Amino acid sequence: MNARRAQEVARRQELLELEAEVQRLTLAATLSHYEHLRVLSWAGSAARIGLRIFAAAPRMRWLLLATLWRRFARRKG
């Protein structure tokens, strides 16, 4: 009976270790997903701020247009 109990304990420990590994992998995937969402949220916020500045300041639009025009002219010439 003692050997059978030892086998049961070993089997139970193996199952618990497998369950713990599954939980670790699930947690890692969830945290990775949340990190991805956080980066997307940050990028979206930065883009909104940039568009607001771009829309509110005509000088910024002209500065950007002049910079792009200058770079484009250098490549042609």
PDB file of N, CA and C in Angstrom:
ATOM      1  N   MET A   1       0.823  -1.188   0.000  1.00  0.00           N
ATOM      2  CA  MET A   1       0.000   0.000   0.000  1.00  0.00           C
ATOM      3  C   MET A   1       0.866   1.251   0.000  1.00  0.00           C
ATOM      4  N   ASN A   2       2.007   1.194   0.633  1.00  0.00           N
ATOM      5  CA  ASN A   2       2.897   2.339   0.699  1.00  0.00           C
ATOM      6  C   ASN A   2       3.439   2.698  -0.690  1.00  0.00           C
ATOM      7  N   ALA A   3       3.775   1.710  -1.504  1.00  0.00           N
ATOM      8  CA  ALA A   3       4.279   1.952  -2.852  1.00  0.00           C
ATOM      9  C   ALA A   3       3.179   2.558  -3.720  1.00  0.00           C
ATOM     10  N   ARG A   4       1.961   2.079  -3.547  1.00  0.00           N
ATOM     11  CA  ARG A   4       0.834   2.620  -4.319  1.00  0.00           C
ATOM     12  C   ARG A   4       0.589   4.078  -3.952  1.00  0.00           C
ATOM     13  N   ARG A   5       0.672   4.379  -2.683  1.00  0.00           N
ATOM     14  CA  ARG A   5       0.485   5.768  -2.213  1.00  0.00           C
ATOM     15  C   ARG A   5       1.589   6.661  -2.779  1.00  0.00           C
ATOM     16  N   ALA A   6       2.807   6.156  -2.829  1.00  0.00           N
ATOM     17  CA  ALA A   6       3.923   6.931  -3.385  1.00  0.00           C
ATOM     18  C   ALA A   6       3.694   7.209  -4.864  1.00  0.00           C
ATOM     19  N   GLN A   7       3.155   6.225  -5.592  1.00  0.00           N
ATOM     20  CA  GLN A   7       2.848   6.427  -7.009  1.00  0.00           C
ATOM     21  C   GLN A   7       1.751   7.471  -7.194  1.00  0.00           C
ATOM     22  N   GLU A   8       0.742   7.427  -6.352  1.00  0.00           N
ATOM     23  CA  GLU A   8      -0.343   8.407  -6.417  1.00  0.00           C
ATOM     24  C   GLU A   8       0.177   9.814  -6.150  1.00  0.00           C
ATOM     25  N   VAL A   9       1.039   9.939  -5.157  1.00  0.00           N
ATOM     26  CA  VAL A   9       1.613  11.239  -4.814  1.00  0.00           C
ATOM     27  C   VAL A   9       2.475  11.752  -5.969  1.00  0.00           C
ATOM     28  N   ALA A  10       3.277  10.859  -6.556  1.00  0.00           N
ATOM     29  CA  ALA A  10       4.128  11.266  -7.684  1.00  0.00           C
ATOM     30  C   ALA A  10       3.276  11.696  -8.879  1.00  0.00           C
ATOM     31  N   ARG A  11       2.213  10.948  -9.141  1.00  0.00           N
ATOM     32  CA  ARG A  11       1.314  11.287 -10.254  1.00  0.00           C
ATOM     33  C   ARG A  11       0.632  12.624  -9.995  1.00  0.00           C
ATOM     34  N   ARG A  12       0.181  12.819  -8.772  1.00  0.00           N
ATOM     35  CA  ARG A  12      -0.475  14.087  -8.411  1.00  0.00           C
ATOM     36  C   ARG A  12       0.502  15.247  -8.556  1.00  0.00           C
ATOM     37  N   GLN A  13       1.729  15.070  -8.145  1.00  0.00           N
ATOM     38  CA  GLN A  13       2.739  16.123  -8.255  1.00  0.00           C
ATOM     39  C   GLN A  13       3.005  16.447  -9.729  1.00  0.00           C
ATOM     40  N   GLU A  14       3.083  15.421 -10.561  1.00  0.00           N
ATOM     41  CA  GLU A  14       3.310  15.633 -11.992  1.00  0.00           C
ATOM     42  C   GLU A  14       2.155  16.427 -12.610  1.00  0.00           C
ATOM     43  N   LEU A  15       0.932  16.068 -12.232  1.00  0.00           N
ATOM     44  CA  LEU A  15      -0.226  16.790 -12.752  1.00  0.00           C
ATOM     45  C   LEU A  15      -0.232  18.244 -12.295  1.00  0.00           C
ATOM     46  N   LEU A  16       0.125  18.471 -11.038  1.00  0.00           N
ATOM     47  CA  LEU A  16       0.183  19.838 -10.529  1.00  0.00           C
ATOM     48  C   LEU A  16       1.257  20.662 -11.246  1.00  0.00           C
ATOM     49  N   GLU A  17       2.401  20.039 -11.533  1.00  0.00           N
ATOM     50  CA  GLU A  17       3.459  20.732 -12.262  1.00  0.00           C
ATOM     51  C   GLU A  17       3.014  21.079 -13.675  1.00  0.00           C
ATOM     52  N   LEU A  18       2.300  20.166 -14.331  1.00  0.00           N
ATOM     53  CA  LEU A  18       1.778  20.445 -15.673  1.00  0.00           C
ATOM     54  C   LEU A  18       0.753  21.579 -15.642  1.00  0.00           C
ATOM     55  N   GLU A  19      -0.110  21.539 -14.642  1.00  0.00           N
ATOM     56  CA  GLU A  19      -1.108  22.607 -14.505  1.00  0.00           C
ATOM     57  C   GLU A  19      -0.439  23.953 -14.249  1.00  0.00           C
ATOM     58  N   ALA A  20       0.601  23.968 -13.438  1.00  0.00           N
ATOM     59  CA  ALA A  20       1.324  25.200 -13.157  1.00  0.00           C
ATOM     60  C   ALA A  20       1.989  25.739 -14.434  1.00  0.00           C
ATOM     61  N   GLU A  21       2.524  24.849 -15.250  1.00  0.00           N
ATOM     62  CA  GLU A  21       3.155  25.268 -16.506  1.00  0.00           C
ATOM     63  C   GLU A  21       2.122  25.888 -17.447  1.00  0.00           C
ATOM     64  N   VAL A  22       0.950  25.278 -17.517  1.00  0.00           N
ATOM     65  CA  VAL A  22      -0.131  25.835 -18.351  1.00  0.00           C
ATOM     66  C   VAL A  22      -0.533  27.218 -17.842  1.00  0.00           C
ATOM     67  N   GLN A  23      -0.636  27.367 -16.544  1.00  0.00           N
ATOM     68  CA  GLN A  23      -0.993  28.666 -15.970  1.00  0.00           C
ATOM     69  C   GLN A  23       0.071  29.713 -16.255  1.00  0.00           C
ATOM     70  N   ARG A  24       1.352  29.332 -16.174  1.00  0.00           N
ATOM     71  CA  ARG A  24       2.436  30.279 -16.482  1.00  0.00           C
ATOM     72  C   ARG A  24       2.367  30.726 -17.938  1.00  0.00           C
ATOM     73  N   LEU A  25       2.139  29.779 -18.847  1.00  0.00           N
ATOM     74  CA  LEU A  25       2.051  30.115 -20.268  1.00  0.00           C
ATOM     75  C   LEU A  25       0.844  31.010 -20.553  1.00  0.00           C
ATOM     76  N   THR A  26      -0.269  30.715 -19.920  1.00  0.00           N
ATOM     77  CA  THR A  26      -1.472  31.535 -20.099  1.00  0.00           C
ATOM     78  C   THR A  26      -1.234  32.948 -19.582  1.00  0.00           C
ATOM     79  N   LEU A  27      -0.618  33.058 -18.423  1.00  0.00           N
ATOM     80  CA  LEU A  27      -0.327  34.373 -17.859  1.00  0.00           C
ATOM     81  C   LEU A  27       0.627  35.152 -18.758  1.00  0.00           C
ATOM     82  N   ALA A  28       1.654  34.498 -19.276  1.00  0.00           N
ATOM     83  CA  ALA A  28       2.603  35.169 -20.163  1.00  0.00           C
ATOM     84  C   ALA A  28       1.909  35.668 -21.425  1.00  0.00           C
ATOM     85  N   ALA A  29       1.030  34.859 -21.988  1.00  0.00           N
ATOM     86  CA  ALA A  29       0.302  35.268 -23.194  1.00  0.00           C
ATOM     87  C   ALA A  29      -0.623  36.443 -22.898  1.00  0.00           C
ATOM     88  N   THR A  30      -1.290  36.406 -21.757  1.00  0.00           N
ATOM     89  CA  THR A  30      -2.197  37.489 -21.383  1.00  0.00           C
ATOM     90  C   THR A  30      -1.428  38.782 -21.171  1.00  0.00           C
ATOM     91  N   LEU A  31      -0.318  38.716 -20.460  1.00  0.00           N
ATOM     92  CA  LEU A  31       0.482  39.916 -20.226  1.00  0.00           C
ATOM     93  C   LEU A  31       1.045  40.470 -21.524  1.00  0.00           C
ATOM     94  N   SER A  32       1.451  39.601 -22.425  1.00  0.00           N
ATOM     95  CA  SER A  32       1.943  40.041 -23.727  1.00  0.00           C
ATOM     96  C   SER A  32       0.845  40.757 -24.501  1.00  0.00           C
ATOM     97  N   HIS A  33      -0.358  40.222 -24.445  1.00  0.00           N
ATOM     98  CA  HIS A  33      -1.495  40.842 -25.121  1.00  0.00           C
ATOM     99  C   HIS A  33      -1.775  42.224 -24.538  1.00  0.00           C
ATOM    100  N   TYR A  34      -1.779  42.334 -23.210  1.00  0.00           N
ATOM    101  CA  TYR A  34      -2.028  43.619 -22.571  1.00  0.00           C
ATOM    102  C   TYR A  34      -0.927  44.626 -22.908  1.00  0.00           C
ATOM    103  N   GLU A  35       0.303  44.171 -22.976  1.00  0.00           N
ATOM    104  CA  GLU A  35       1.416  45.060 -23.342  1.00  0.00           C
ATOM    105  C   GLU A  35       1.225  45.573 -24.768  1.00  0.00           C
ATOM    106  N   HIS A  36       0.799  44.688 -25.666  1.00  0.00           N
ATOM    107  CA  HIS A  36       0.541  45.075 -27.053  1.00  0.00           C
ATOM    108  C   HIS A  36      -0.573  46.127 -27.106  1.00  0.00           C
ATOM    109  N   LEU A  37      -1.643  45.909 -26.345  1.00  0.00           N
ATOM    110  CA  LEU A  37      -2.744  46.871 -26.314  1.00  0.00           C
ATOM    111  C   LEU A  37      -2.290  48.208 -25.743  1.00  0.00           C
ATOM    112  N   ARG A  38      -1.423  48.168 -24.747  1.00  0.00           N
ATOM    113  CA  ARG A  38      -0.927  49.404 -24.137  1.00  0.00           C
ATOM    114  C   ARG A  38      -0.089  50.196 -25.137  1.00  0.00           C
ATOM    115  N   VAL A  39       0.738  49.502 -25.909  1.00  0.00           N
ATOM    116  CA  VAL A  39       1.552  50.172 -26.923  1.00  0.00           C
ATOM    117  C   VAL A  39       0.664  50.779 -27.993  1.00  0.00           C
ATOM    118  N   LEU A  40      -0.359  50.031 -28.420  1.00  0.00           N
ATOM    119  CA  LEU A  40      -1.276  50.565 -29.424  1.00  0.00           C
ATOM    120  C   LEU A  40      -2.020  51.793 -28.891  1.00  0.00           C
ATOM    121  N   SER A  41      -2.413  51.743 -27.647  1.00  0.00           N
ATOM    122  CA  SER A  41      -3.103  52.871 -27.040  1.00  0.00           C
ATOM    123  C   SER A  41      -2.193  54.087 -26.982  1.00  0.00           C
ATOM    124  N   TRP A  42      -0.942  53.882 -26.585  1.00  0.00           N
ATOM    125  CA  TRP A  42       0.012  54.983 -26.510  1.00  0.00           C
ATOM    126  C   TRP A  42       0.249  55.579 -27.896  1.00  0.00           C
ATOM    127  N   ALA A  43       0.424  54.727 -28.894  1.00  0.00           N
ATOM    128  CA  ALA A  43       0.661  55.207 -30.257  1.00  0.00           C
ATOM    129  C   ALA A  43      -0.554  55.977 -30.783  1.00  0.00           C
ATOM    130  N   GLY A  44      -1.736  55.495 -30.482  1.00  0.00           N
ATOM    131  CA  GLY A  44      -2.953  56.194 -30.892  1.00  0.00           C
ATOM    132  C   GLY A  44      -3.064  57.555 -30.239  1.00  0.00           C
ATOM    133  N   SER A  45      -2.726  57.626 -28.973  1.00  0.00           N
ATOM    134  CA  SER A  45      -2.751  58.917 -28.269  1.00  0.00           C
ATOM    135  C   SER A  45      -1.739  59.882 -28.863  1.00  0.00           C
ATOM    136  N   ALA A  46      -0.557  59.394 -29.155  1.00  0.00           N
ATOM    137  CA  ALA A  46       0.477  60.247 -29.755  1.00  0.00           C
ATOM    138  C   ALA A  46       0.030  60.734 -31.130  1.00  0.00           C
ATOM    139  N   ALA A  47      -0.593  59.867 -31.899  1.00  0.00           N
ATOM    140  CA  ALA A  47      -1.074  60.261 -33.225  1.00  0.00           C
ATOM    141  C   ALA A  47      -2.173  61.316 -33.116  1.00  0.00           C
ATOM    142  N   ARG A  48      -3.091  61.148 -32.157  1.00  0.00           N
ATOM    143  CA  ARG A  48      -4.150  62.148 -31.975  1.00  0.00           C
ATOM    144  C   ARG A  48      -3.574  63.505 -31.596  1.00  0.00           C
ATOM    145  N   ILE A  49      -2.591  63.494 -30.689  1.00  0.00           N
ATOM    146  CA  ILE A  49      -1.961  64.755 -30.293  1.00  0.00           C
ATOM    147  C   ILE A  49      -1.275  65.393 -31.492  1.00  0.00           C
ATOM    148  N   GLY A  50      -0.565  64.584 -32.273  1.00  0.00           N
ATOM    149  CA  GLY A  50       0.107  65.106 -33.459  1.00  0.00           C
ATOM    150  C   GLY A  50      -0.872  65.693 -34.459  1.00  0.00           C
ATOM    151  N   LEU A  51      -1.985  65.010 -34.666  1.00  0.00           N
ATOM    152  CA  LEU A  51      -2.983  65.536 -35.607  1.00  0.00           C
ATOM    153  C   LEU A  51      -3.615  66.820 -35.093  1.00  0.00           C
ATOM    154  N   ARG A  52      -3.854  66.903 -33.802  1.00  0.00           N
ATOM    155  CA  ARG A  52      -4.403  68.144 -33.243  1.00  0.00           C
ATOM    156  C   ARG A  52      -3.445  69.311 -33.446  1.00  0.00           C
ATOM    157  N   ILE A  53      -2.175  69.082 -33.178  1.00  0.00           N
ATOM    158  CA  ILE A  53      -1.182  70.141 -33.378  1.00  0.00           C
ATOM    159  C   ILE A  53      -1.106  70.504 -34.852  1.00  0.00           C
ATOM    160  N   PHE A  54      -1.095  69.502 -35.702  1.00  0.00           N
ATOM    161  CA  PHE A  54      -1.010  69.720 -37.137  1.00  0.00           C
ATOM    162  C   PHE A  54      -2.223  70.500 -37.645  1.00  0.00           C
ATOM    163  N   ALA A  55      -3.414  70.166 -37.144  1.00  0.00           N
ATOM    164  CA  ALA A  55      -4.633  70.835 -37.592  1.00  0.00           C
ATOM    165  C   ALA A  55      -4.763  72.245 -37.012  1.00  0.00           C
ATOM    166  N   ALA A  56      -4.250  72.452 -35.822  1.00  0.00           N
ATOM    167  CA  ALA A  56      -4.433  73.736 -35.144  1.00  0.00           C
ATOM    168  C   ALA A  56      -3.401  74.774 -35.554  1.00  0.00           C
ATOM    169  N   ALA A  57      -2.279  74.355 -36.059  1.00  0.00           N
ATOM    170  CA  ALA A  57      -1.190  75.302 -36.331  1.00  0.00           C
ATOM    171  C   ALA A  57      -0.838  75.302 -37.826  1.00  0.00           C
ATOM    172  N   PRO A  58      -1.307  76.299 -38.564  1.00  0.00           N
ATOM    173  CA  PRO A  58      -0.967  76.372 -39.990  1.00  0.00           C
ATOM    174  C   PRO A  58       0.546  76.438 -40.220  1.00  0.00           C
ATOM    175  N   ARG A  59       1.243  77.044 -39.286  1.00  0.00           N
ATOM    176  CA  ARG A  59       2.695  77.152 -39.413  1.00  0.00           C
ATOM    177  C   ARG A  59       3.342  75.767 -39.424  1.00  0.00           C
ATOM    178  N   MET A  60       2.793  74.848 -38.611  1.00  0.00           N
ATOM    179  CA  MET A  60       3.316  73.475 -38.587  1.00  0.00           C
ATOM    180  C   MET A  60       3.091  72.788 -39.925  1.00  0.00           C
ATOM    181  N   ARG A  61       1.923  73.018 -40.514  1.00  0.00           N
ATOM    182  CA  ARG A  61       1.647  72.419 -41.832  1.00  0.00           C
ATOM    183  C   ARG A  61       2.636  72.930 -42.865  1.00  0.00           C
ATOM    184  N   TRP A  62       2.893  74.236 -42.855  1.00  0.00           N
ATOM    185  CA  TRP A  62       3.836  74.792 -43.828  1.00  0.00           C
ATOM    186  C   TRP A  62       5.253  74.308 -43.582  1.00  0.00           C
ATOM    187  N   LEU A  63       5.624  74.176 -42.327  1.00  0.00           N
ATOM    188  CA  LEU A  63       6.953  73.674 -41.995  1.00  0.00           C
ATOM    189  C   LEU A  63       7.127  72.243 -42.496  1.00  0.00           C
ATOM    190  N   LEU A  64       6.125  71.411 -42.269  1.00  0.00           N
ATOM    191  CA  LEU A  64       6.189  70.039 -42.742  1.00  0.00           C
ATOM    192  C   LEU A  64       6.221  69.987 -44.269  1.00  0.00           C
ATOM    193  N   LEU A  65       5.367  70.758 -44.905  1.00  0.00           N
ATOM    194  CA  LEU A  65       5.329  70.778 -46.363  1.00  0.00           C
ATOM    195  C   LEU A  65       6.661  71.256 -46.933  1.00  0.00           C
ATOM    196  N   ALA A  66       7.243  72.307 -46.344  1.00  0.00           N
ATOM    197  CA  ALA A  66       8.528  72.820 -46.825  1.00  0.00           C
ATOM    198  C   ALA A  66       9.639  71.793 -46.651  1.00  0.00           C
ATOM    199  N   THR A  67       9.623  71.077 -45.526  1.00  0.00           N
ATOM    200  CA  THR A  67      10.637  70.051 -45.287  1.00  0.00           C
ATOM    201  C   THR A  67      10.522  68.922 -46.301  1.00  0.00           C
ATOM    202  N   LEU A  68       9.305  68.469 -46.523  1.00  0.00           N
ATOM    203  CA  LEU A  68       9.100  67.403 -47.505  1.00  0.00           C
ATOM    204  C   LEU A  68       9.461  67.869 -48.908  1.00  0.00           C
ATOM    205  N   TRP A  69       9.093  69.094 -49.251  1.00  0.00           N
ATOM    206  CA  TRP A  69       9.395  69.638 -50.575  1.00  0.00           C
ATOM    207  C   TRP A  69      10.912  69.714 -50.793  1.00  0.00           C
ATOM    208  N   ARG A  70      11.633  70.157 -49.765  1.00  0.00           N
ATOM    209  CA  ARG A  70      13.090  70.274 -49.852  1.00  0.00           C
ATOM    210  C   ARG A  70      13.731  68.897 -50.058  1.00  0.00           C
ATOM    211  N   ARG A  71      13.267  67.913 -49.310  1.00  0.00           N
ATOM    212  CA  ARG A  71      13.818  66.552 -49.456  1.00  0.00           C
ATOM    213  C   ARG A  71      13.503  65.972 -50.825  1.00  0.00           C
ATOM    214  N   PHE A  72      12.304  66.220 -51.296  1.00  0.00           N
ATOM    215  CA  PHE A  72      11.919  65.730 -52.602  1.00  0.00           C
ATOM    216  C   PHE A  72      12.747  66.414 -53.694  1.00  0.00           C
ATOM    217  N   ALA A  73      12.990  67.716 -53.552  1.00  0.00           N
ATOM    218  CA  ALA A  73      13.792  68.453 -54.544  1.00  0.00           C
ATOM    219  C   ALA A  73      15.223  67.971 -54.549  1.00  0.00           C
ATOM    220  N   ARG A  74      15.777  67.594 -53.403  1.00  0.00           N
ATOM    221  CA  ARG A  74      17.160  67.088 -53.348  1.00  0.00           C
ATOM    222  C   ARG A  74      17.282  65.768 -54.104  1.00  0.00           C
ATOM    223  N   ARG A  75      16.295  64.931 -53.992  1.00  0.00           N
ATOM    224  CA  ARG A  75      16.357  63.628 -54.663  1.00  0.00           C
ATOM    225  C   ARG A  75      16.274  63.792 -56.176  1.00  0.00           C
ATOM    226  N   LYS A  76      15.517  64.740 -56.631  1.00  0.00           N
ATOM    227  CA  LYS A  76      15.394  64.967 -58.070  1.00  0.00           C
ATOM    228  C   LYS A  76      16.672  65.562 -58.651  1.00  0.00           C
ATOM    229  N   GLY A  77      17.210  66.518 -57.918  1.00  0.00           N
ATOM    230  CA  GLY A  77      18.335  67.278 -58.447  1.00  0.00           C
ATOM    231  C   GLY A  77      19.627  66.654 -58.122  1.00  0.00           C
TER     232      GLY A  77
END
